[in-house]
Amino acid sequence: MADINIKIDDCWNKIGVWGHVRPRCPELEKIIHCANCKVYSAAARQLLDREISPEYMQEAAITLAQRKETTKNTDTTSIVIFRIGEEWLGLPTHLFQEVVQFRSVHSIPHRRGKILRGLVNIRGELQLCVSLGQLLDIKKGEIQGTNIAKGIYERMIVIAKDGVRYVFPVGEVRGIRRYPDKELLAPPATVTHSAKDYLSGLVSWKEGDEERHIGCLDEALLFPALERGII
């Protein structure tokens, strides 16, 4: 920073409570500590009332401009991580309304298909239940468990966009992951199931000694596909 010092008689550092001069300041016998002294208070007011130099203002402006630029270049995305079958997936956090316990699905006469499973009761309202696993062509897999300490198993997720809500079952909900957009990787060509058609990319996720790649679903592709699947 630029030199904005002014002349201050810092007697508290020379003959006061922090000083090494003996005998000490006689005022200390009455006020105990320099912080209670009117000389100390006057010096503080002098520092606070001092004029700010042009050099200091210029340096401060440069610092603030750099901070704004840094913030601008660190865009991040937040996703909720969940598992369907043996596949780990993520959707943007802003789409999520709630995660509920698995509940009964009521079929719709003449409307049951691979994607549309039926209706579920969410807080007294019937909502469309869809199979994300069927849409993405993900097999159920063999991963099972009830270890709540590591995740929430057999749940239903409620998502919404532009007033349209969908409920879909998942094997496990793991939590939220925030990552810089620059860390998003392109989906590998080795992905064989239909999920690759709805991915915006992959992001790594490390939990303990285990590292996984999370398939980040593109909401702009997913919601139209769900809508087509229930017609």
C-alpha atoms as a PDB file:
ATOM      1  CA  MET A   1       0.000   0.000   0.000  1.00  0.00           C
ATOM      2  CA  ALA A   2       1.028   3.593  -0.507  1.00  0.00           C
ATOM      3  CA  ASP A   3       2.521   5.487   2.399  1.00  0.00           C
ATOM      4  CA  ILE A   4      -0.413   7.036   4.252  1.00  0.00           C
ATOM      5  CA  ASN A   5       1.320   7.356   7.604  1.00  0.00           C
ATOM      6  CA  ILE A   6       0.946  10.471   9.703  1.00  0.00           C
ATOM      7  CA  LYS A   7       2.948  11.596  12.691  1.00  0.00           C
ATOM      8  CA  ILE A   8       1.592  10.000  15.868  1.00  0.00           C
ATOM      9  CA  ASP A   9       3.144  10.345  19.303  1.00  0.00           C
ATOM     10  CA  ASP A  10       2.852   6.694  20.333  1.00  0.00           C
ATOM     11  CA  CYS A  11       3.827   7.224  23.935  1.00  0.00           C
ATOM     12  CA  TRP A  12       2.091   3.946  24.901  1.00  0.00           C
ATOM     13  CA  ASN A  13       4.858   2.088  23.059  1.00  0.00           C
ATOM     14  CA  LYS A  14       7.635   4.078  24.718  1.00  0.00           C
ATOM     15  CA  ILE A  15       6.680   4.838  28.292  1.00  0.00           C
ATOM     16  CA  GLY A  16       3.280   3.179  28.588  1.00  0.00           C
ATOM     17  CA  VAL A  17       2.026  -0.269  29.471  1.00  0.00           C
ATOM     18  CA  TRP A  18       3.972  -1.875  26.609  1.00  0.00           C
ATOM     19  CA  GLY A  19       7.101   0.260  27.083  1.00  0.00           C
ATOM     20  CA  HIS A  20      10.350  -0.723  28.742  1.00  0.00           C
ATOM     21  CA  VAL A  21      11.073   2.697  30.288  1.00  0.00           C
ATOM     22  CA  ARG A  22      11.072   2.806  34.076  1.00  0.00           C
ATOM     23  CA  PRO A  23       9.386   4.376  35.884  1.00  0.00           C
ATOM     24  CA  ARG A  24       6.219   3.978  33.809  1.00  0.00           C
ATOM     25  CA  CYS A  25       3.799   6.746  32.864  1.00  0.00           C
ATOM     26  CA  PRO A  26       2.284   8.141  36.089  1.00  0.00           C
ATOM     27  CA  GLU A  27      -1.209   8.198  34.458  1.00  0.00           C
ATOM     28  CA  LEU A  28      -1.245   4.400  34.495  1.00  0.00           C
ATOM     29  CA  GLU A  29      -1.594   4.476  38.278  1.00  0.00           C
ATOM     30  CA  LYS A  30      -5.073   5.953  37.763  1.00  0.00           C
ATOM     31  CA  ILE A  31      -6.260   4.513  34.435  1.00  0.00           C
ATOM     32  CA  ILE A  32      -4.525   1.085  34.598  1.00  0.00           C
ATOM     33  CA  HIS A  33      -4.123   0.712  30.806  1.00  0.00           C
ATOM     34  CA  CYS A  34      -3.203   3.009  27.910  1.00  0.00           C
ATOM     35  CA  ALA A  35      -6.494   2.097  26.177  1.00  0.00           C
ATOM     36  CA  ASN A  36      -8.257   4.174  28.836  1.00  0.00           C
ATOM     37  CA  CYS A  37      -6.077   7.252  28.248  1.00  0.00           C
ATOM     38  CA  LYS A  38      -7.294  10.372  26.459  1.00  0.00           C
ATOM     39  CA  VAL A  39      -3.952  10.635  24.626  1.00  0.00           C
ATOM     40  CA  TYR A  40      -4.451   7.146  23.214  1.00  0.00           C
ATOM     41  CA  SER A  41      -8.054   7.982  22.173  1.00  0.00           C
ATOM     42  CA  ALA A  42      -6.975  11.233  20.528  1.00  0.00           C
ATOM     43  CA  ALA A  43      -4.351   9.386  18.489  1.00  0.00           C
ATOM     44  CA  ALA A  44      -6.983   6.899  17.331  1.00  0.00           C
ATOM     45  CA  ARG A  45      -9.276   9.721  16.191  1.00  0.00           C
ATOM     46  CA  GLN A  46      -6.350  11.325  14.388  1.00  0.00           C
ATOM     47  CA  LEU A  47      -5.718   8.112  12.457  1.00  0.00           C
ATOM     48  CA  LEU A  48      -9.387   7.659  11.541  1.00  0.00           C
ATOM     49  CA  ASP A  49      -9.828  11.274  10.456  1.00  0.00           C
ATOM     50  CA  ARG A  50      -6.729  11.411   8.282  1.00  0.00           C
ATOM     51  CA  GLU A  51      -7.097  12.116   4.560  1.00  0.00           C
ATOM     52  CA  ILE A  52      -6.734   9.241   2.124  1.00  0.00           C
ATOM     53  CA  SER A  53      -3.871   9.727  -0.314  1.00  0.00           C
ATOM     54  CA  PRO A  54      -4.493   9.502  -4.093  1.00  0.00           C
ATOM     55  CA  GLU A  55      -1.951   6.674  -4.269  1.00  0.00           C
ATOM     56  CA  TYR A  56      -3.926   4.624  -1.743  1.00  0.00           C
ATOM     57  CA  MET A  57      -7.181   5.224  -3.640  1.00  0.00           C
ATOM     58  CA  GLN A  58      -5.542   4.098  -6.883  1.00  0.00           C
ATOM     59  CA  GLU A  59      -4.129   0.927  -5.343  1.00  0.00           C
ATOM     60  CA  ALA A  60      -7.482   0.112  -3.725  1.00  0.00           C
ATOM     61  CA  ALA A  61      -9.285   0.547  -7.056  1.00  0.00           C
ATOM     62  CA  ILE A  62      -6.836  -1.831  -8.758  1.00  0.00           C
ATOM     63  CA  THR A  63      -7.315  -4.412  -5.998  1.00  0.00           C
ATOM     64  CA  LEU A  64     -11.102  -4.272  -6.243  1.00  0.00           C
ATOM     65  CA  ALA A  65     -10.977  -4.561 -10.020  1.00  0.00           C
ATOM     66  CA  GLN A  66      -8.791  -7.668  -9.763  1.00  0.00           C
ATOM     67  CA  ARG A  67     -11.164  -9.307  -7.290  1.00  0.00           C
ATOM     68  CA  LYS A  68     -14.133  -8.735  -9.593  1.00  0.00           C
ATOM     69  CA  GLU A  69     -12.249 -10.230 -12.520  1.00  0.00           C
ATOM     70  CA  THR A  70     -11.276 -13.267 -10.445  1.00  0.00           C
ATOM     71  CA  THR A  71     -14.893 -13.838  -9.423  1.00  0.00           C
ATOM     72  CA  LYS A  72     -16.019 -13.514 -13.020  1.00  0.00           C
ATOM     73  CA  ASN A  73     -13.628 -16.225 -14.160  1.00  0.00           C
ATOM     74  CA  THR A  74     -14.534 -18.795 -11.475  1.00  0.00           C
ATOM     75  CA  ASP A  75     -17.993 -19.910 -12.610  1.00  0.00           C
ATOM     76  CA  THR A  76     -19.167 -22.990 -10.755  1.00  0.00           C
ATOM     77  CA  THR A  77     -22.027 -25.442 -11.053  1.00  0.00           C
ATOM     78  CA  SER A  78     -23.784 -27.261  -8.226  1.00  0.00           C
ATOM     79  CA  ILE A  79     -25.261 -30.723  -8.758  1.00  0.00           C
ATOM     80  CA  VAL A  80     -26.990 -33.339  -6.616  1.00  0.00           C
ATOM     81  CA  ILE A  81     -25.379 -36.755  -6.993  1.00  0.00           C
ATOM     82  CA  PHE A  82     -27.520 -39.896  -7.129  1.00  0.00           C
ATOM     83  CA  ARG A  83     -27.266 -43.463  -8.335  1.00  0.00           C
ATOM     84  CA  ILE A  84     -29.493 -45.446 -10.695  1.00  0.00           C
ATOM     85  CA  GLY A  85     -28.420 -49.061 -11.030  1.00  0.00           C
ATOM     86  CA  GLU A  86     -24.654 -48.868 -11.001  1.00  0.00           C
ATOM     87  CA  GLU A  87     -24.457 -45.483 -12.724  1.00  0.00           C
ATOM     88  CA  TRP A  88     -23.652 -42.289 -10.812  1.00  0.00           C
ATOM     89  CA  LEU A  89     -25.423 -39.233 -12.181  1.00  0.00           C
ATOM     90  CA  GLY A  90     -25.912 -35.580 -11.313  1.00  0.00           C
ATOM     91  CA  LEU A  91     -28.538 -32.931 -11.995  1.00  0.00           C
ATOM     92  CA  PRO A  92     -28.313 -29.184 -11.296  1.00  0.00           C
ATOM     93  CA  THR A  93     -29.288 -28.406  -7.711  1.00  0.00           C
ATOM     94  CA  HIS A  94     -31.842 -25.744  -8.686  1.00  0.00           C
ATOM     95  CA  LEU A  95     -34.062 -28.424 -10.270  1.00  0.00           C
ATOM     96  CA  PHE A  96     -34.496 -30.332  -7.011  1.00  0.00           C
ATOM     97  CA  GLN A  97     -37.573 -29.774  -4.880  1.00  0.00           C
ATOM     98  CA  GLU A  98     -37.193 -32.624  -2.423  1.00  0.00           C
ATOM     99  CA  VAL A  99     -36.053 -36.189  -1.794  1.00  0.00           C
ATOM    100  CA  VAL A 100     -38.674 -38.499  -0.303  1.00  0.00           C
ATOM    101  CA  GLN A 101     -38.883 -42.089   0.822  1.00  0.00           C
ATOM    102  CA  PHE A 102     -39.795 -44.631  -1.787  1.00  0.00           C
ATOM    103  CA  ARG A 103     -43.583 -44.955  -2.045  1.00  0.00           C
ATOM    104  CA  SER A 104     -46.201 -46.827  -4.014  1.00  0.00           C
ATOM    105  CA  VAL A 105     -46.719 -45.998  -7.665  1.00  0.00           C
ATOM    106  CA  HIS A 106     -50.338 -46.037  -8.867  1.00  0.00           C
ATOM    107  CA  SER A 107     -50.746 -47.051 -12.476  1.00  0.00           C
ATOM    108  CA  ILE A 108     -52.690 -44.910 -14.931  1.00  0.00           C
ATOM    109  CA  PRO A 109     -55.229 -46.909 -16.990  1.00  0.00           C
ATOM    110  CA  HIS A 110     -54.101 -47.308 -20.602  1.00  0.00           C
ATOM    111  CA  ARG A 111     -51.134 -44.979 -20.041  1.00  0.00           C
ATOM    112  CA  ARG A 112     -48.421 -47.151 -18.534  1.00  0.00           C
ATOM    113  CA  GLY A 113     -45.245 -47.353 -20.631  1.00  0.00           C
ATOM    114  CA  LYS A 114     -41.507 -47.777 -20.260  1.00  0.00           C
ATOM    115  CA  ILE A 115     -40.901 -44.169 -19.209  1.00  0.00           C
ATOM    116  CA  LEU A 116     -44.181 -43.318 -17.471  1.00  0.00           C
ATOM    117  CA  ARG A 117     -44.629 -45.532 -14.420  1.00  0.00           C
ATOM    118  CA  GLY A 118     -47.759 -43.922 -13.003  1.00  0.00           C
ATOM    119  CA  LEU A 119     -48.669 -41.492 -10.217  1.00  0.00           C
ATOM    120  CA  VAL A 120     -47.246 -41.031  -6.729  1.00  0.00           C
ATOM    121  CA  ASN A 121     -48.629 -39.115  -3.798  1.00  0.00           C
ATOM    122  CA  ILE A 122     -46.257 -36.309  -2.785  1.00  0.00           C
ATOM    123  CA  ARG A 123     -47.589 -34.322   0.177  1.00  0.00           C
ATOM    124  CA  GLY A 124     -51.184 -34.930  -0.842  1.00  0.00           C
ATOM    125  CA  GLU A 125     -50.696 -34.191  -4.532  1.00  0.00           C
ATOM    126  CA  LEU A 126     -50.492 -36.777  -7.312  1.00  0.00           C
ATOM    127  CA  GLN A 127     -47.353 -36.321  -9.381  1.00  0.00           C
ATOM    128  CA  LEU A 128     -46.132 -38.079 -12.511  1.00  0.00           C
ATOM    129  CA  CYS A 129     -43.618 -40.807 -11.756  1.00  0.00           C
ATOM    130  CA  VAL A 130     -41.151 -41.616 -14.516  1.00  0.00           C
ATOM    131  CA  SER A 131     -38.326 -44.102 -14.915  1.00  0.00           C
ATOM    132  CA  LEU A 132     -35.084 -42.271 -15.556  1.00  0.00           C
ATOM    133  CA  GLY A 133     -33.341 -45.625 -15.722  1.00  0.00           C
ATOM    134  CA  GLN A 134     -35.524 -46.697 -18.653  1.00  0.00           C
ATOM    135  CA  LEU A 135     -34.973 -43.422 -20.477  1.00  0.00           C
ATOM    136  CA  LEU A 136     -31.215 -43.695 -20.056  1.00  0.00           C
ATOM    137  CA  ASP A 137     -31.209 -47.444 -20.725  1.00  0.00           C
ATOM    138  CA  ILE A 138     -29.522 -48.187 -17.402  1.00  0.00           C
ATOM    139  CA  LYS A 139     -29.810 -51.668 -15.962  1.00  0.00           C
ATOM    140  CA  LYS A 140     -30.830 -52.062 -12.354  1.00  0.00           C
ATOM    141  CA  GLY A 141     -27.410 -53.436 -11.395  1.00  0.00           C
ATOM    142  CA  GLU A 142     -26.325 -55.326  -8.333  1.00  0.00           C
ATOM    143  CA  ILE A 143     -25.454 -52.510  -5.909  1.00  0.00           C
ATOM    144  CA  GLN A 144     -27.763 -52.709  -2.911  1.00  0.00           C
ATOM    145  CA  GLY A 145     -27.618 -51.640   0.698  1.00  0.00           C
ATOM    146  CA  THR A 146     -29.153 -49.802   3.599  1.00  0.00           C
ATOM    147  CA  ASN A 147     -26.122 -48.057   5.055  1.00  0.00           C
ATOM    148  CA  ILE A 148     -27.591 -44.642   5.855  1.00  0.00           C
ATOM    149  CA  ALA A 149     -24.202 -43.420   7.081  1.00  0.00           C
ATOM    150  CA  LYS A 150     -22.880 -43.542   3.528  1.00  0.00           C
ATOM    151  CA  GLY A 151     -25.961 -42.468   1.618  1.00  0.00           C
ATOM    152  CA  ILE A 152     -29.751 -42.498   1.398  1.00  0.00           C
ATOM    153  CA  TYR A 153     -30.975 -45.624  -0.337  1.00  0.00           C
ATOM    154  CA  GLU A 154     -34.167 -46.354  -2.251  1.00  0.00           C
ATOM    155  CA  ARG A 155     -35.569 -42.862  -2.477  1.00  0.00           C
ATOM    156  CA  MET A 156     -37.615 -40.822  -4.904  1.00  0.00           C
ATOM    157  CA  ILE A 157     -36.459 -37.487  -6.231  1.00  0.00           C
ATOM    158  CA  VAL A 158     -38.822 -34.644  -7.118  1.00  0.00           C
ATOM    159  CA  ILE A 159     -37.549 -32.243  -9.777  1.00  0.00           C
ATOM    160  CA  ALA A 160     -39.259 -29.310 -11.476  1.00  0.00           C
ATOM    161  CA  LYS A 161     -38.640 -26.895 -14.308  1.00  0.00           C
ATOM    162  CA  ASP A 162     -40.929 -24.202 -15.698  1.00  0.00           C
ATOM    163  CA  GLY A 163     -43.841 -25.516 -13.640  1.00  0.00           C
ATOM    164  CA  VAL A 164     -43.441 -29.140 -14.815  1.00  0.00           C
ATOM    165  CA  ARG A 165     -42.709 -31.684 -12.067  1.00  0.00           C
ATOM    166  CA  TYR A 166     -41.437 -35.229 -12.303  1.00  0.00           C
ATOM    167  CA  VAL A 167     -40.767 -37.875  -9.678  1.00  0.00           C
ATOM    168  CA  PHE A 168     -38.342 -40.712 -10.300  1.00  0.00           C
ATOM    169  CA  PRO A 169     -36.904 -43.479  -8.108  1.00  0.00           C
ATOM    170  CA  VAL A 170     -33.184 -43.795  -7.446  1.00  0.00           C
ATOM    171  CA  GLY A 171     -31.088 -46.354  -5.649  1.00  0.00           C
ATOM    172  CA  GLU A 172     -29.134 -43.819  -3.642  1.00  0.00           C
ATOM    173  CA  VAL A 173     -28.758 -40.082  -3.037  1.00  0.00           C
ATOM    174  CA  ARG A 174     -25.224 -39.075  -2.137  1.00  0.00           C
ATOM    175  CA  GLY A 175     -25.224 -35.305  -1.711  1.00  0.00           C
ATOM    176  CA  ILE A 176     -24.208 -32.064  -3.396  1.00  0.00           C
ATOM    177  CA  ARG A 177     -21.053 -31.484  -5.429  1.00  0.00           C
ATOM    178  CA  ARG A 178     -19.929 -28.037  -6.572  1.00  0.00           C
ATOM    179  CA  TYR A 179     -17.314 -27.865  -9.302  1.00  0.00           C
ATOM    180  CA  PRO A 180     -15.707 -25.222 -11.554  1.00  0.00           C
ATOM    181  CA  ASP A 181     -17.146 -25.394 -15.056  1.00  0.00           C
ATOM    182  CA  LYS A 182     -13.648 -25.859 -16.474  1.00  0.00           C
ATOM    183  CA  GLU A 183     -13.458 -29.268 -14.714  1.00  0.00           C
ATOM    184  CA  LEU A 184     -16.341 -30.666 -16.791  1.00  0.00           C
ATOM    185  CA  LEU A 185     -15.002 -33.397 -19.083  1.00  0.00           C
ATOM    186  CA  ALA A 186     -16.460 -34.560 -22.375  1.00  0.00           C
ATOM    187  CA  PRO A 187     -18.299 -37.914 -22.168  1.00  0.00           C
ATOM    188  CA  PRO A 188     -16.055 -40.750 -23.376  1.00  0.00           C
ATOM    189  CA  ALA A 189     -16.873 -42.529 -26.611  1.00  0.00           C
ATOM    190  CA  THR A 190     -16.940 -45.825 -24.682  1.00  0.00           C
ATOM    191  CA  VAL A 191     -20.304 -45.007 -23.057  1.00  0.00           C
ATOM    192  CA  THR A 192     -22.682 -47.488 -24.649  1.00  0.00           C
ATOM    193  CA  HIS A 193     -26.091 -46.833 -23.069  1.00  0.00           C
ATOM    194  CA  SER A 194     -28.460 -44.003 -23.948  1.00  0.00           C
ATOM    195  CA  ALA A 195     -27.293 -41.818 -21.071  1.00  0.00           C
ATOM    196  CA  LYS A 196     -24.555 -40.365 -23.266  1.00  0.00           C
ATOM    197  CA  ASP A 197     -27.253 -38.659 -25.361  1.00  0.00           C
ATOM    198  CA  TYR A 198     -28.337 -36.612 -22.341  1.00  0.00           C
ATOM    199  CA  LEU A 199     -24.983 -35.810 -20.734  1.00  0.00           C
ATOM    200  CA  SER A 200     -23.349 -32.410 -20.731  1.00  0.00           C
ATOM    201  CA  GLY A 201     -20.150 -34.029 -19.499  1.00  0.00           C
ATOM    202  CA  LEU A 202     -18.439 -35.873 -16.669  1.00  0.00           C
ATOM    203  CA  VAL A 203     -17.030 -34.555 -13.423  1.00  0.00           C
ATOM    204  CA  SER A 204     -14.813 -36.414 -10.964  1.00  0.00           C
ATOM    205  CA  TRP A 205     -15.966 -37.008  -7.404  1.00  0.00           C
ATOM    206  CA  LYS A 206     -13.728 -38.367  -4.682  1.00  0.00           C
ATOM    207  CA  GLU A 207     -15.069 -39.885  -1.496  1.00  0.00           C
ATOM    208  CA  GLY A 208     -12.395 -41.222   0.800  1.00  0.00           C
ATOM    209  CA  ASP A 209     -10.047 -43.372  -1.258  1.00  0.00           C
ATOM    210  CA  GLU A 210     -12.672 -43.953  -3.915  1.00  0.00           C
ATOM    211  CA  GLU A 211     -12.933 -41.755  -7.006  1.00  0.00           C
ATOM    212  CA  ARG A 212     -15.845 -41.866  -9.427  1.00  0.00           C
ATOM    213  CA  HIS A 213     -16.917 -40.041 -12.560  1.00  0.00           C
ATOM    214  CA  ILE A 214     -20.375 -38.481 -12.342  1.00  0.00           C
ATOM    215  CA  GLY A 215     -22.457 -38.164 -15.487  1.00  0.00           C
ATOM    216  CA  CYS A 216     -23.880 -34.630 -15.478  1.00  0.00           C
ATOM    217  CA  LEU A 217     -27.303 -34.686 -17.119  1.00  0.00           C
ATOM    218  CA  ASP A 218     -28.238 -31.770 -19.364  1.00  0.00           C
ATOM    219  CA  GLU A 219     -31.603 -30.398 -18.227  1.00  0.00           C
ATOM    220  CA  ALA A 220     -32.228 -28.859 -21.680  1.00  0.00           C
ATOM    221  CA  LEU A 221     -32.128 -32.358 -23.174  1.00  0.00           C
ATOM    222  CA  LEU A 222     -33.616 -34.343 -20.317  1.00  0.00           C
ATOM    223  CA  PHE A 223     -36.938 -32.554 -19.795  1.00  0.00           C
ATOM    224  CA  PRO A 224     -38.067 -32.671 -23.454  1.00  0.00           C
ATOM    225  CA  ALA A 225     -37.168 -36.367 -23.529  1.00  0.00           C
ATOM    226  CA  LEU A 226     -39.272 -37.025 -20.424  1.00  0.00           C
ATOM    227  CA  GLU A 227     -42.166 -35.129 -21.934  1.00  0.00           C
ATOM    228  CA  ARG A 228     -41.986 -37.229 -25.100  1.00  0.00           C
ATOM    229  CA  GLY A 229     -41.775 -40.384 -23.003  1.00  0.00           C
ATOM    230  CA  ILE A 230     -45.055 -39.818 -21.183  1.00  0.00           C
ATOM    231  CA  ILE A 231     -47.158 -38.985 -24.238  1.00  0.00           C
END
